[in-house]
Amino acid sequence: MFAGIIAVRTGRLAEAQMLLQVRQDAPELLADVAFAGNLAGGLIELALAEDRLLDGRLQVAEGLDWLKDADDIRFTARVLRLAVTVEADIAAIAHARRDEAGERIARELGVARAERLRELMAGTDDASPVFAEARGNLALAEAEVTRLLDSPDPAAWSAAADWFLQPRRPYELAWSRYREAEALLAVRASRAAAAAATGEALALAKDIGAAPLVDTIARFARMARLEVASTPGHEVPVAPGPESASGSRDEPDDPFGLTVREREVLTLLVAGETNRRIAETLFISESTASVHVSNIIGKLGVSNRVEAAAAAVRSGLAE
């Protein structure tokens, strides 16, 4: 089972299918809290990696049912934290589709999952190492809520990262630093701080072989035009930008209000990639890629993807 979780995080999704087989072949082992909790977490992470978000929502409900009588809150905390991540992703896609009902449902469910986690942790001893892992998951859930509600907060991600410094948990730390950098740019904070957080995230992800996360962070750095220090064996090409009077690089003007993900899709669209190829490159489903392309066309006020590419080049959003 742990091999399956590692396979998810390292991008070996074919091998990670073993988690589905474990669930099918060993239902009697679900009475063991550690087994049920780890399996639920692994299945949710697999659903997220494969962009099966509604499956992820269902797996959250199933995992919570497995753990409903558990005394050990560590595993329930992890499932609830992942639940907020699932709903944040669903809300983002619903927003891109202008699906107000879907976005509202995702936000309400995500907030409810976070509130349940807060209640679970209420009254526990902050200083006790017994609850340290659960508190790390609570901090991550609080940070994910800011993404769920489209209210970027770098401090929330920084606080989450602090929980994974000692004992060191590089995957969660890398994720927190990457999202911290994203939030820093969203609130127009220091680009140097964003670059530093991105560089740390990239180095951590590379060190543990988390290939999908490495690719995600590297694409983010390129799209945001961040000067990120490379690590040996992994150069991060950063698109050149104009120098400002202070010597720092300015972000290209974006009068269209594109999200970071839409900027990534737009770059591939300008390169002439199909929706299928965009999906493969960004590790998303083809239908999600199609939604992003449609959203970009709407925001740019054009009629088709060819006109969108031309508008992006004219505006300096792509080359």
C-alpha atoms as a PDB file:
ATOM      1  CA  MET A   1       0.000   0.000   0.000  1.00  0.00           C
ATOM      2  CA  PHE A   2       2.757   2.472   0.868  1.00  0.00           C
ATOM      3  CA  ALA A   3       4.387   1.585  -2.450  1.00  0.00           C
ATOM      4  CA  GLY A   4       1.174   2.720  -4.126  1.00  0.00           C
ATOM      5  CA  ILE A   5       1.215   6.066  -2.325  1.00  0.00           C
ATOM      6  CA  ILE A   6       4.845   6.609  -3.329  1.00  0.00           C
ATOM      7  CA  ALA A   7       3.940   5.703  -6.908  1.00  0.00           C
ATOM      8  CA  VAL A   8       1.259   8.416  -6.937  1.00  0.00           C
ATOM      9  CA  ARG A   9       3.663  11.077  -5.711  1.00  0.00           C
ATOM     10  CA  THR A  10       6.400  10.077  -8.131  1.00  0.00           C
ATOM     11  CA  GLY A  11       4.058  10.028 -11.110  1.00  0.00           C
ATOM     12  CA  ARG A  12       4.011   6.261 -11.704  1.00  0.00           C
ATOM     13  CA  LEU A  13       0.240   6.172 -11.935  1.00  0.00           C
ATOM     14  CA  ALA A  14       0.056   2.762 -13.620  1.00  0.00           C
ATOM     15  CA  GLU A  15       1.745   1.234 -10.572  1.00  0.00           C
ATOM     16  CA  ALA A  16      -0.437   3.299  -8.255  1.00  0.00           C
ATOM     17  CA  GLN A  17      -3.498   1.408  -9.490  1.00  0.00           C
ATOM     18  CA  MET A  18      -2.505  -1.221  -6.946  1.00  0.00           C
ATOM     19  CA  LEU A  19      -4.337   0.936  -4.391  1.00  0.00           C
ATOM     20  CA  LEU A  20      -7.617   0.234  -6.154  1.00  0.00           C
ATOM     21  CA  GLN A  21      -6.808  -3.475  -6.120  1.00  0.00           C
ATOM     22  CA  VAL A  22      -5.998  -3.381  -2.408  1.00  0.00           C
ATOM     23  CA  ARG A  23      -9.378  -1.818  -1.653  1.00  0.00           C
ATOM     24  CA  GLN A  24     -11.088  -4.554  -3.665  1.00  0.00           C
ATOM     25  CA  ASP A  25      -9.087  -7.506  -2.332  1.00  0.00           C
ATOM     26  CA  ALA A  26      -8.784  -6.735   1.380  1.00  0.00           C
ATOM     27  CA  PRO A  27     -12.035  -5.289   2.745  1.00  0.00           C
ATOM     28  CA  GLU A  28     -11.570  -7.171   6.008  1.00  0.00           C
ATOM     29  CA  LEU A  29      -8.451  -5.116   6.774  1.00  0.00           C
ATOM     30  CA  LEU A  30     -10.448  -1.883   6.865  1.00  0.00           C
ATOM     31  CA  ALA A  31     -11.179  -2.573  10.524  1.00  0.00           C
ATOM     32  CA  ASP A  32      -7.557  -1.605  11.176  1.00  0.00           C
ATOM     33  CA  VAL A  33      -7.465   2.176  11.590  1.00  0.00           C
ATOM     34  CA  ALA A  34      -3.950   2.635  10.203  1.00  0.00           C
ATOM     35  CA  PHE A  35      -4.691   0.467   7.183  1.00  0.00           C
ATOM     36  CA  ALA A  36      -8.008   2.202   6.444  1.00  0.00           C
ATOM     37  CA  GLY A  37      -6.571   5.682   6.976  1.00  0.00           C
ATOM     38  CA  ASN A  38      -3.531   5.180   4.793  1.00  0.00           C
ATOM     39  CA  LEU A  39      -5.563   3.504   2.052  1.00  0.00           C
ATOM     40  CA  ALA A  40      -8.160   6.294   2.065  1.00  0.00           C
ATOM     41  CA  GLY A  41      -5.454   8.945   1.831  1.00  0.00           C
ATOM     42  CA  GLY A  42      -3.692   7.120  -0.985  1.00  0.00           C
ATOM     43  CA  LEU A  43      -6.918   6.673  -2.971  1.00  0.00           C
ATOM     44  CA  ILE A  44      -7.777  10.370  -2.619  1.00  0.00           C
ATOM     45  CA  GLU A  45      -4.288  11.386  -3.749  1.00  0.00           C
ATOM     46  CA  LEU A  46      -4.609   9.039  -6.730  1.00  0.00           C
ATOM     47  CA  ALA A  47      -7.946  10.592  -7.688  1.00  0.00           C
ATOM     48  CA  LEU A  48      -6.390  14.065  -7.461  1.00  0.00           C
ATOM     49  CA  ALA A  49      -3.404  13.001  -9.570  1.00  0.00           C
ATOM     50  CA  GLU A  50      -5.689  11.564 -12.239  1.00  0.00           C
ATOM     51  CA  ASP A  51      -7.982  14.595 -12.170  1.00  0.00           C
ATOM     52  CA  ARG A  52     -10.921  12.427 -11.052  1.00  0.00           C
ATOM     53  CA  LEU A  53     -12.191  15.030  -8.632  1.00  0.00           C
ATOM     54  CA  LEU A  54     -15.733  13.745  -8.184  1.00  0.00           C
ATOM     55  CA  ASP A  55     -14.275  10.297  -7.497  1.00  0.00           C
ATOM     56  CA  GLY A  56     -12.049  11.997  -4.953  1.00  0.00           C
ATOM     57  CA  ARG A  57     -15.091  13.535  -3.283  1.00  0.00           C
ATOM     58  CA  LEU A  58     -16.714  10.096  -3.064  1.00  0.00           C
ATOM     59  CA  GLN A  59     -13.505   8.556  -1.707  1.00  0.00           C
ATOM     60  CA  VAL A  60     -13.399  11.191   1.027  1.00  0.00           C
ATOM     61  CA  ALA A  61     -16.903  10.191   2.127  1.00  0.00           C
ATOM     62  CA  GLU A  62     -15.959   6.504   2.017  1.00  0.00           C
ATOM     63  CA  GLY A  63     -12.749   7.081   3.952  1.00  0.00           C
ATOM     64  CA  LEU A  64     -14.544   9.054   6.654  1.00  0.00           C
ATOM     65  CA  ASP A  65     -17.024   6.218   6.958  1.00  0.00           C
ATOM     66  CA  TRP A  66     -14.167   3.736   7.393  1.00  0.00           C
ATOM     67  CA  LEU A  67     -12.745   5.906  10.179  1.00  0.00           C
ATOM     68  CA  LYS A  68     -15.975   6.957  11.905  1.00  0.00           C
ATOM     69  CA  ASP A  69     -15.268   4.869  15.014  1.00  0.00           C
ATOM     70  CA  ALA A  70     -11.513   5.491  15.112  1.00  0.00           C
ATOM     71  CA  ASP A  71      -9.907   6.817  18.286  1.00  0.00           C
ATOM     72  CA  ASP A  72      -6.729   7.908  16.501  1.00  0.00           C
ATOM     73  CA  ILE A  73      -7.436  11.284  14.878  1.00  0.00           C
ATOM     74  CA  ARG A  74      -4.282  11.365  12.722  1.00  0.00           C
ATOM     75  CA  PHE A  75      -5.826   9.525   9.801  1.00  0.00           C
ATOM     76  CA  THR A  76      -9.166  11.304   9.930  1.00  0.00           C
ATOM     77  CA  ALA A  77      -7.285  14.606   9.941  1.00  0.00           C
ATOM     78  CA  ARG A  78      -5.427  13.625   6.791  1.00  0.00           C
ATOM     79  CA  VAL A  79      -8.621  12.604   4.977  1.00  0.00           C
ATOM     80  CA  LEU A  80     -10.343  15.862   5.969  1.00  0.00           C
ATOM     81  CA  ARG A  81      -7.353  17.906   4.804  1.00  0.00           C
ATOM     82  CA  LEU A  82      -7.333  16.145   1.447  1.00  0.00           C
ATOM     83  CA  ALA A  83     -11.097  16.702   1.275  1.00  0.00           C
ATOM     84  CA  VAL A  84     -10.534  20.472   1.323  1.00  0.00           C
ATOM     85  CA  THR A  85      -7.975  20.127  -1.473  1.00  0.00           C
ATOM     86  CA  VAL A  86     -10.460  18.149  -3.570  1.00  0.00           C
ATOM     87  CA  GLU A  87     -13.174  20.766  -3.079  1.00  0.00           C
ATOM     88  CA  ALA A  88     -10.764  23.618  -3.843  1.00  0.00           C
ATOM     89  CA  ASP A  89      -9.934  21.995  -7.183  1.00  0.00           C
ATOM     90  CA  ILE A  90     -13.602  21.334  -7.955  1.00  0.00           C
ATOM     91  CA  ALA A  91     -14.490  24.939  -7.097  1.00  0.00           C
ATOM     92  CA  ALA A  92     -11.750  26.246  -9.390  1.00  0.00           C
ATOM     93  CA  ILE A  93     -13.039  24.223 -12.330  1.00  0.00           C
ATOM     94  CA  ALA A  94     -16.640  25.198 -11.603  1.00  0.00           C
ATOM     95  CA  HIS A  95     -15.568  28.839 -11.544  1.00  0.00           C
ATOM     96  CA  ALA A  96     -13.856  28.441 -14.932  1.00  0.00           C
ATOM     97  CA  ARG A  97     -17.053  26.931 -16.316  1.00  0.00           C
ATOM     98  CA  ARG A  98     -19.137  29.697 -14.767  1.00  0.00           C
ATOM     99  CA  ASP A  99     -20.969  26.974 -12.877  1.00  0.00           C
ATOM    100  CA  GLU A 100     -22.090  29.027  -9.890  1.00  0.00           C
ATOM    101  CA  ALA A 101     -24.060  26.174  -8.318  1.00  0.00           C
ATOM    102  CA  GLY A 102     -21.138  23.765  -8.605  1.00  0.00           C
ATOM    103  CA  GLU A 103     -18.747  26.321  -7.163  1.00  0.00           C
ATOM    104  CA  ARG A 104     -21.089  27.069  -4.266  1.00  0.00           C
ATOM    105  CA  ILE A 105     -21.535  23.379  -3.430  1.00  0.00           C
ATOM    106  CA  ALA A 106     -17.763  22.771  -3.493  1.00  0.00           C
ATOM    107  CA  ARG A 107     -17.111  25.753  -1.260  1.00  0.00           C
ATOM    108  CA  GLU A 108     -19.802  24.797   1.224  1.00  0.00           C
ATOM    109  CA  LEU A 109     -18.605  21.200   1.409  1.00  0.00           C
ATOM    110  CA  GLY A 110     -14.951  22.210   1.672  1.00  0.00           C
ATOM    111  CA  VAL A 111     -15.671  24.701   4.452  1.00  0.00           C
ATOM    112  CA  ALA A 112     -17.698  22.048   6.269  1.00  0.00           C
ATOM    113  CA  ARG A 113     -14.818  19.552   6.023  1.00  0.00           C
ATOM    114  CA  ALA A 114     -12.421  22.163   7.414  1.00  0.00           C
ATOM    115  CA  GLU A 115     -14.795  22.991  10.255  1.00  0.00           C
ATOM    116  CA  ARG A 116     -15.083  19.314  11.149  1.00  0.00           C
ATOM    117  CA  LEU A 117     -11.300  19.114  11.314  1.00  0.00           C
ATOM    118  CA  ARG A 118     -11.177  22.173  13.587  1.00  0.00           C
ATOM    119  CA  GLU A 119     -13.738  20.552  15.876  1.00  0.00           C
ATOM    120  CA  LEU A 120     -11.751  17.324  15.858  1.00  0.00           C
ATOM    121  CA  MET A 121      -8.650  19.160  17.004  1.00  0.00           C
ATOM    122  CA  ALA A 122     -10.372  21.371  19.568  1.00  0.00           C
ATOM    123  CA  GLY A 123      -9.154  20.646  23.064  1.00  0.00           C
ATOM    124  CA  THR A 124      -6.115  18.627  22.006  1.00  0.00           C
ATOM    125  CA  ASP A 125      -2.747  19.421  23.534  1.00  0.00           C
ATOM    126  CA  ASP A 126      -0.843  21.743  21.192  1.00  0.00           C
ATOM    127  CA  ALA A 127       2.479  20.734  22.720  1.00  0.00           C
ATOM    128  CA  SER A 128       1.936  16.987  22.539  1.00  0.00           C
ATOM    129  CA  PRO A 129       3.873  15.210  19.775  1.00  0.00           C
ATOM    130  CA  VAL A 130       0.965  12.762  19.561  1.00  0.00           C
ATOM    131  CA  PHE A 131      -1.106  15.376  17.718  1.00  0.00           C
ATOM    132  CA  ALA A 132       1.687  16.981  15.687  1.00  0.00           C
ATOM    133  CA  GLU A 133       0.815  15.214  12.430  1.00  0.00           C
ATOM    134  CA  ALA A 134      -2.870  16.052  12.793  1.00  0.00           C
ATOM    135  CA  ARG A 135      -2.047  19.689  13.513  1.00  0.00           C
ATOM    136  CA  GLY A 136       0.073  19.796  10.379  1.00  0.00           C
ATOM    137  CA  ASN A 137      -2.926  18.569   8.439  1.00  0.00           C
ATOM    138  CA  LEU A 138      -5.107  21.203  10.100  1.00  0.00           C
ATOM    139  CA  ALA A 139      -2.654  23.928   9.073  1.00  0.00           C
ATOM    140  CA  LEU A 140      -2.655  22.623   5.497  1.00  0.00           C
ATOM    141  CA  ALA A 141      -6.453  22.516   5.491  1.00  0.00           C
ATOM    142  CA  GLU A 142      -6.615  26.133   6.687  1.00  0.00           C
ATOM    143  CA  ALA A 143      -4.303  27.131   3.846  1.00  0.00           C
ATOM    144  CA  GLU A 144      -6.353  25.154   1.326  1.00  0.00           C
ATOM    145  CA  VAL A 145      -9.469  26.996   2.522  1.00  0.00           C
ATOM    146  CA  THR A 146      -7.911  30.248   1.300  1.00  0.00           C
ATOM    147  CA  ARG A 147      -7.570  28.646  -2.133  1.00  0.00           C
ATOM    148  CA  LEU A 148     -11.088  27.210  -1.916  1.00  0.00           C
ATOM    149  CA  LEU A 149     -12.508  30.674  -1.256  1.00  0.00           C
ATOM    150  CA  ASP A 150     -10.218  32.378  -3.773  1.00  0.00           C
ATOM    151  CA  SER A 151      -8.710  34.494  -1.006  1.00  0.00           C
ATOM    152  CA  PRO A 152      -4.906  34.139  -1.413  1.00  0.00           C
ATOM    153  CA  ASP A 153      -2.997  34.246   1.887  1.00  0.00           C
ATOM    154  CA  PRO A 154       0.775  33.611   1.796  1.00  0.00           C
ATOM    155  CA  ALA A 155       0.919  33.623   5.602  1.00  0.00           C
ATOM    156  CA  ALA A 156      -1.429  30.636   5.791  1.00  0.00           C
ATOM    157  CA  TRP A 157       0.829  28.596   3.499  1.00  0.00           C
ATOM    158  CA  SER A 158       3.939  29.707   5.388  1.00  0.00           C
ATOM    159  CA  ALA A 159       2.329  28.621   8.660  1.00  0.00           C
ATOM    160  CA  ALA A 160       1.491  25.255   7.119  1.00  0.00           C
ATOM    161  CA  ALA A 161       5.066  24.829   5.900  1.00  0.00           C
ATOM    162  CA  ASP A 162       6.390  25.385   9.433  1.00  0.00           C
ATOM    163  CA  TRP A 163       4.697  22.183  10.585  1.00  0.00           C
ATOM    164  CA  PHE A 164       6.733  20.100   8.141  1.00  0.00           C
ATOM    165  CA  LEU A 165      10.181  21.389   9.036  1.00  0.00           C
ATOM    166  CA  GLN A 166      10.671  19.183  12.114  1.00  0.00           C
ATOM    167  CA  PRO A 167      10.222  16.313  11.646  1.00  0.00           C
ATOM    168  CA  ARG A 168      10.852  17.066   8.015  1.00  0.00           C
ATOM    169  CA  ARG A 169       8.165  15.985   5.549  1.00  0.00           C
ATOM    170  CA  PRO A 170       9.523  17.153   2.203  1.00  0.00           C
ATOM    171  CA  TYR A 171       6.471  16.450   0.040  1.00  0.00           C
ATOM    172  CA  GLU A 172       4.085  18.486   2.178  1.00  0.00           C
ATOM    173  CA  LEU A 173       6.761  21.152   2.661  1.00  0.00           C
ATOM    174  CA  ALA A 174       7.310  21.441  -1.093  1.00  0.00           C
ATOM    175  CA  TRP A 175       3.560  21.718  -1.709  1.00  0.00           C
ATOM    176  CA  SER A 176       3.225  24.434   0.942  1.00  0.00           C
ATOM    177  CA  ARG A 177       6.138  26.478  -0.405  1.00  0.00           C
ATOM    178  CA  TYR A 178       4.827  26.227  -3.975  1.00  0.00           C
ATOM    179  CA  ARG A 179       1.379  27.422  -2.934  1.00  0.00           C
ATOM    180  CA  GLU A 180       2.958  30.136  -0.783  1.00  0.00           C
ATOM    181  CA  ALA A 181       4.779  31.450  -3.861  1.00  0.00           C
ATOM    182  CA  GLU A 182       1.555  31.366  -5.869  1.00  0.00           C
ATOM    183  CA  ALA A 183      -0.250  33.324  -3.151  1.00  0.00           C
ATOM    184  CA  LEU A 184       2.595  35.860  -2.898  1.00  0.00           C
ATOM    185  CA  LEU A 185       2.216  36.665  -6.570  1.00  0.00           C
ATOM    186  CA  ALA A 186      -1.579  36.747  -6.310  1.00  0.00           C
ATOM    187  CA  VAL A 187      -1.423  39.501  -3.660  1.00  0.00           C
ATOM    188  CA  ARG A 188       1.400  41.259  -5.536  1.00  0.00           C
ATOM    189  CA  ALA A 189       3.903  40.774  -2.731  1.00  0.00           C
ATOM    190  CA  SER A 190       7.678  40.481  -3.162  1.00  0.00           C
ATOM    191  CA  ARG A 191       8.680  38.634  -6.321  1.00  0.00           C
ATOM    192  CA  ALA A 192      12.007  37.826  -4.677  1.00  0.00           C
ATOM    193  CA  ALA A 193      10.171  36.074  -1.847  1.00  0.00           C
ATOM    194  CA  ALA A 194       8.024  34.198  -4.357  1.00  0.00           C
ATOM    195  CA  ALA A 195      11.131  33.132  -6.268  1.00  0.00           C
ATOM    196  CA  ALA A 196      12.801  31.925  -3.071  1.00  0.00           C
ATOM    197  CA  ALA A 197       9.761  29.870  -2.042  1.00  0.00           C
ATOM    198  CA  THR A 198       9.490  28.427  -5.546  1.00  0.00           C
ATOM    199  CA  GLY A 199      13.163  27.489  -5.586  1.00  0.00           C
ATOM    200  CA  GLU A 200      12.885  25.743  -2.233  1.00  0.00           C
ATOM    201  CA  ALA A 201       9.777  23.866  -3.369  1.00  0.00           C
ATOM    202  CA  LEU A 202      11.453  22.783  -6.586  1.00  0.00           C
ATOM    203  CA  ALA A 203      14.573  21.531  -4.817  1.00  0.00           C
ATOM    204  CA  LEU A 204      12.531  19.561  -2.279  1.00  0.00           C
ATOM    205  CA  ALA A 205      10.306  17.976  -4.928  1.00  0.00           C
ATOM    206  CA  LYS A 206      13.301  17.035  -7.047  1.00  0.00           C
ATOM    207  CA  ASP A 207      15.163  15.516  -4.095  1.00  0.00           C
ATOM    208  CA  ILE A 208      12.322  13.072  -3.397  1.00  0.00           C
ATOM    209  CA  GLY A 209      11.616  12.289  -7.044  1.00  0.00           C
ATOM    210  CA  ALA A 210       8.116  13.812  -7.043  1.00  0.00           C
ATOM    211  CA  ALA A 211       8.125  14.257 -10.824  1.00  0.00           C
ATOM    212  CA  PRO A 212       4.565  15.609 -11.240  1.00  0.00           C
ATOM    213  CA  LEU A 213       5.162  18.216  -8.547  1.00  0.00           C
ATOM    214  CA  VAL A 214       8.534  19.130 -10.083  1.00  0.00           C
ATOM    215  CA  ASP A 215       6.838  19.707 -13.429  1.00  0.00           C
ATOM    216  CA  THR A 216       4.049  21.755 -11.848  1.00  0.00           C
ATOM    217  CA  ILE A 217       6.475  23.990  -9.967  1.00  0.00           C
ATOM    218  CA  ALA A 218       8.777  24.431 -12.967  1.00  0.00           C
ATOM    219  CA  ARG A 219       5.847  25.436 -15.187  1.00  0.00           C
ATOM    220  CA  PHE A 220       4.684  27.885 -12.546  1.00  0.00           C
ATOM    221  CA  ALA A 221       8.150  29.449 -12.429  1.00  0.00           C
ATOM    222  CA  ARG A 222       8.233  29.843 -16.190  1.00  0.00           C
ATOM    223  CA  MET A 223       4.738  31.288 -16.423  1.00  0.00           C
ATOM    224  CA  ALA A 224       5.377  33.718 -13.566  1.00  0.00           C
ATOM    225  CA  ARG A 225       8.791  34.641 -15.039  1.00  0.00           C
ATOM    226  CA  LEU A 226      10.491  34.038 -11.716  1.00  0.00           C
ATOM    227  CA  GLU A 227      14.265  33.950 -11.378  1.00  0.00           C
ATOM    228  CA  VAL A 228      14.487  30.591  -9.646  1.00  0.00           C
ATOM    229  CA  ALA A 229      17.835  29.170  -8.637  1.00  0.00           C
ATOM    230  CA  SER A 230      18.227  25.819 -10.364  1.00  0.00           C
ATOM    231  CA  THR A 231      19.350  22.666  -8.623  1.00  0.00           C
ATOM    232  CA  PRO A 232      21.991  20.340 -10.090  1.00  0.00           C
ATOM    233  CA  GLY A 233      20.517  18.350 -12.931  1.00  0.00           C
ATOM    234  CA  HIS A 234      17.340  20.376 -13.216  1.00  0.00           C
ATOM    235  CA  GLU A 235      17.591  23.661 -15.044  1.00  0.00           C
ATOM    236  CA  VAL A 236      14.507  25.835 -14.935  1.00  0.00           C
ATOM    237  CA  PRO A 237      14.267  28.000 -18.036  1.00  0.00           C
ATOM    238  CA  VAL A 238      12.699  31.312 -17.095  1.00  0.00           C
ATOM    239  CA  ALA A 239      11.214  33.486 -19.801  1.00  0.00           C
ATOM    240  CA  PRO A 240      13.014  36.827 -19.959  1.00  0.00           C
ATOM    241  CA  GLY A 241      11.079  39.895 -18.926  1.00  0.00           C
ATOM    242  CA  PRO A 242      11.788  43.617 -19.066  1.00  0.00           C
ATOM    243  CA  GLU A 243      13.902  45.088 -16.309  1.00  0.00           C
ATOM    244  CA  SER A 244      12.228  47.651 -14.091  1.00  0.00           C
ATOM    245  CA  ALA A 245      13.973  50.756 -12.798  1.00  0.00           C
ATOM    246  CA  SER A 246      14.814  48.903  -9.582  1.00  0.00           C
ATOM    247  CA  GLY A 247      16.425  46.042 -11.484  1.00  0.00           C
ATOM    248  CA  SER A 248      13.707  43.490 -10.738  1.00  0.00           C
ATOM    249  CA  ARG A 249      11.662  41.856 -13.423  1.00  0.00           C
ATOM    250  CA  ASP A 250       8.100  43.061 -13.933  1.00  0.00           C
ATOM    251  CA  GLU A 251       5.187  40.791 -14.598  1.00  0.00           C
ATOM    252  CA  PRO A 252       3.717  41.165 -18.075  1.00  0.00           C
ATOM    253  CA  ASP A 253       0.516  43.185 -18.020  1.00  0.00           C
ATOM    254  CA  ASP A 254      -2.582  41.007 -17.996  1.00  0.00           C
ATOM    255  CA  PRO A 255      -5.693  43.069 -18.687  1.00  0.00           C
ATOM    256  CA  PHE A 256      -7.787  39.910 -19.043  1.00  0.00           C
ATOM    257  CA  GLY A 257      -7.678  38.561 -15.498  1.00  0.00           C
ATOM    258  CA  LEU A 258      -6.327  35.122 -16.424  1.00  0.00           C
ATOM    259  CA  THR A 259      -5.503  32.682 -13.660  1.00  0.00           C
ATOM    260  CA  VAL A 260      -2.079  31.050 -13.390  1.00  0.00           C
ATOM    261  CA  ARG A 261      -3.493  27.833 -14.863  1.00  0.00           C
ATOM    262  CA  GLU A 262      -5.127  29.735 -17.731  1.00  0.00           C
ATOM    263  CA  ARG A 263      -1.788  31.385 -18.479  1.00  0.00           C
ATOM    264  CA  GLU A 264      -0.198  27.929 -18.657  1.00  0.00           C
ATOM    265  CA  VAL A 265      -2.903  26.727 -21.038  1.00  0.00           C
ATOM    266  CA  LEU A 266      -2.596  29.888 -23.122  1.00  0.00           C
ATOM    267  CA  THR A 267       1.133  29.364 -23.606  1.00  0.00           C
ATOM    268  CA  LEU A 268       0.507  25.862 -24.936  1.00  0.00           C
ATOM    269  CA  LEU A 269      -2.383  27.109 -27.053  1.00  0.00           C
ATOM    270  CA  VAL A 270      -0.092  29.696 -28.670  1.00  0.00           C
ATOM    271  CA  ALA A 271       2.372  26.886 -29.391  1.00  0.00           C
ATOM    272  CA  GLY A 272      -0.383  25.188 -31.399  1.00  0.00           C
ATOM    273  CA  GLU A 273      -1.044  22.321 -29.016  1.00  0.00           C
ATOM    274  CA  THR A 274      -4.359  20.448 -29.136  1.00  0.00           C
ATOM    275  CA  ASN A 275      -6.581  20.102 -26.076  1.00  0.00           C
ATOM    276  CA  ARG A 276      -5.373  16.520 -25.690  1.00  0.00           C
ATOM    277  CA  ARG A 277      -1.737  17.587 -25.733  1.00  0.00           C
ATOM    278  CA  ILE A 278      -2.450  20.450 -23.316  1.00  0.00           C
ATOM    279  CA  ALA A 279      -4.090  17.933 -20.983  1.00  0.00           C
ATOM    280  CA  GLU A 280      -1.139  15.547 -21.165  1.00  0.00           C
ATOM    281  CA  THR A 281       1.377  18.330 -20.550  1.00  0.00           C
ATOM    282  CA  LEU A 282      -0.448  19.801 -17.565  1.00  0.00           C
ATOM    283  CA  PHE A 283      -1.604  16.459 -16.084  1.00  0.00           C
ATOM    284  CA  ILE A 284      -5.280  17.381 -16.366  1.00  0.00           C
ATOM    285  CA  SER A 285      -8.196  15.794 -18.194  1.00  0.00           C
ATOM    286  CA  GLU A 286      -8.960  16.716 -21.793  1.00  0.00           C
ATOM    287  CA  SER A 287     -12.367  18.039 -20.748  1.00  0.00           C
ATOM    288  CA  THR A 288     -10.737  20.316 -18.168  1.00  0.00           C
ATOM    289  CA  ALA A 289      -8.305  21.576 -20.808  1.00  0.00           C
ATOM    290  CA  SER A 290     -11.276  22.326 -23.057  1.00  0.00           C
ATOM    291  CA  VAL A 291     -12.940  24.296 -20.259  1.00  0.00           C
ATOM    292  CA  HIS A 292      -9.791  26.372 -19.736  1.00  0.00           C
ATOM    293  CA  VAL A 293      -9.506  27.087 -23.473  1.00  0.00           C
ATOM    294  CA  SER A 294     -13.157  28.178 -23.610  1.00  0.00           C
ATOM    295  CA  ASN A 295     -12.653  30.373 -20.548  1.00  0.00           C
ATOM    296  CA  ILE A 296      -9.587  31.991 -22.127  1.00  0.00           C
ATOM    297  CA  ILE A 297     -11.473  32.680 -25.361  1.00  0.00           C
ATOM    298  CA  GLY A 298     -14.236  34.343 -23.345  1.00  0.00           C
ATOM    299  CA  LYS A 299     -11.880  36.478 -21.278  1.00  0.00           C
ATOM    300  CA  LEU A 300      -9.920  37.609 -24.327  1.00  0.00           C
ATOM    301  CA  GLY A 301     -13.163  38.483 -26.119  1.00  0.00           C
ATOM    302  CA  VAL A 302     -12.317  36.492 -29.249  1.00  0.00           C
ATOM    303  CA  SER A 303     -14.152  33.852 -31.253  1.00  0.00           C
ATOM    304  CA  ASN A 304     -11.748  30.918 -31.408  1.00  0.00           C
ATOM    305  CA  ARG A 305      -8.388  29.561 -30.278  1.00  0.00           C
ATOM    306  CA  VAL A 306      -6.524  31.005 -33.264  1.00  0.00           C
ATOM    307  CA  GLU A 307      -7.739  34.504 -32.420  1.00  0.00           C
ATOM    308  CA  ALA A 308      -6.902  33.866 -28.758  1.00  0.00           C
ATOM    309  CA  ALA A 309      -3.329  32.960 -29.681  1.00  0.00           C
ATOM    310  CA  ALA A 310      -2.999  36.077 -31.817  1.00  0.00           C
ATOM    311  CA  ALA A 311      -4.403  38.278 -29.050  1.00  0.00           C
ATOM    312  CA  ALA A 312      -1.985  36.742 -26.532  1.00  0.00           C
ATOM    313  CA  VAL A 313       1.008  37.506 -28.739  1.00  0.00           C
ATOM    314  CA  ARG A 314      -0.168  41.055 -29.418  1.00  0.00           C
ATOM    315  CA  SER A 315      -0.676  41.748 -25.721  1.00  0.00           C
ATOM    316  CA  GLY A 316       2.694  40.290 -24.715  1.00  0.00           C
ATOM    317  CA  LEU A 317       1.164  37.462 -22.664  1.00  0.00           C
ATOM    318  CA  ALA A 318       2.881  34.925 -24.928  1.00  0.00           C
ATOM    319  CA  GLU A 319       5.611  34.902 -27.523  1.00  0.00           C
END
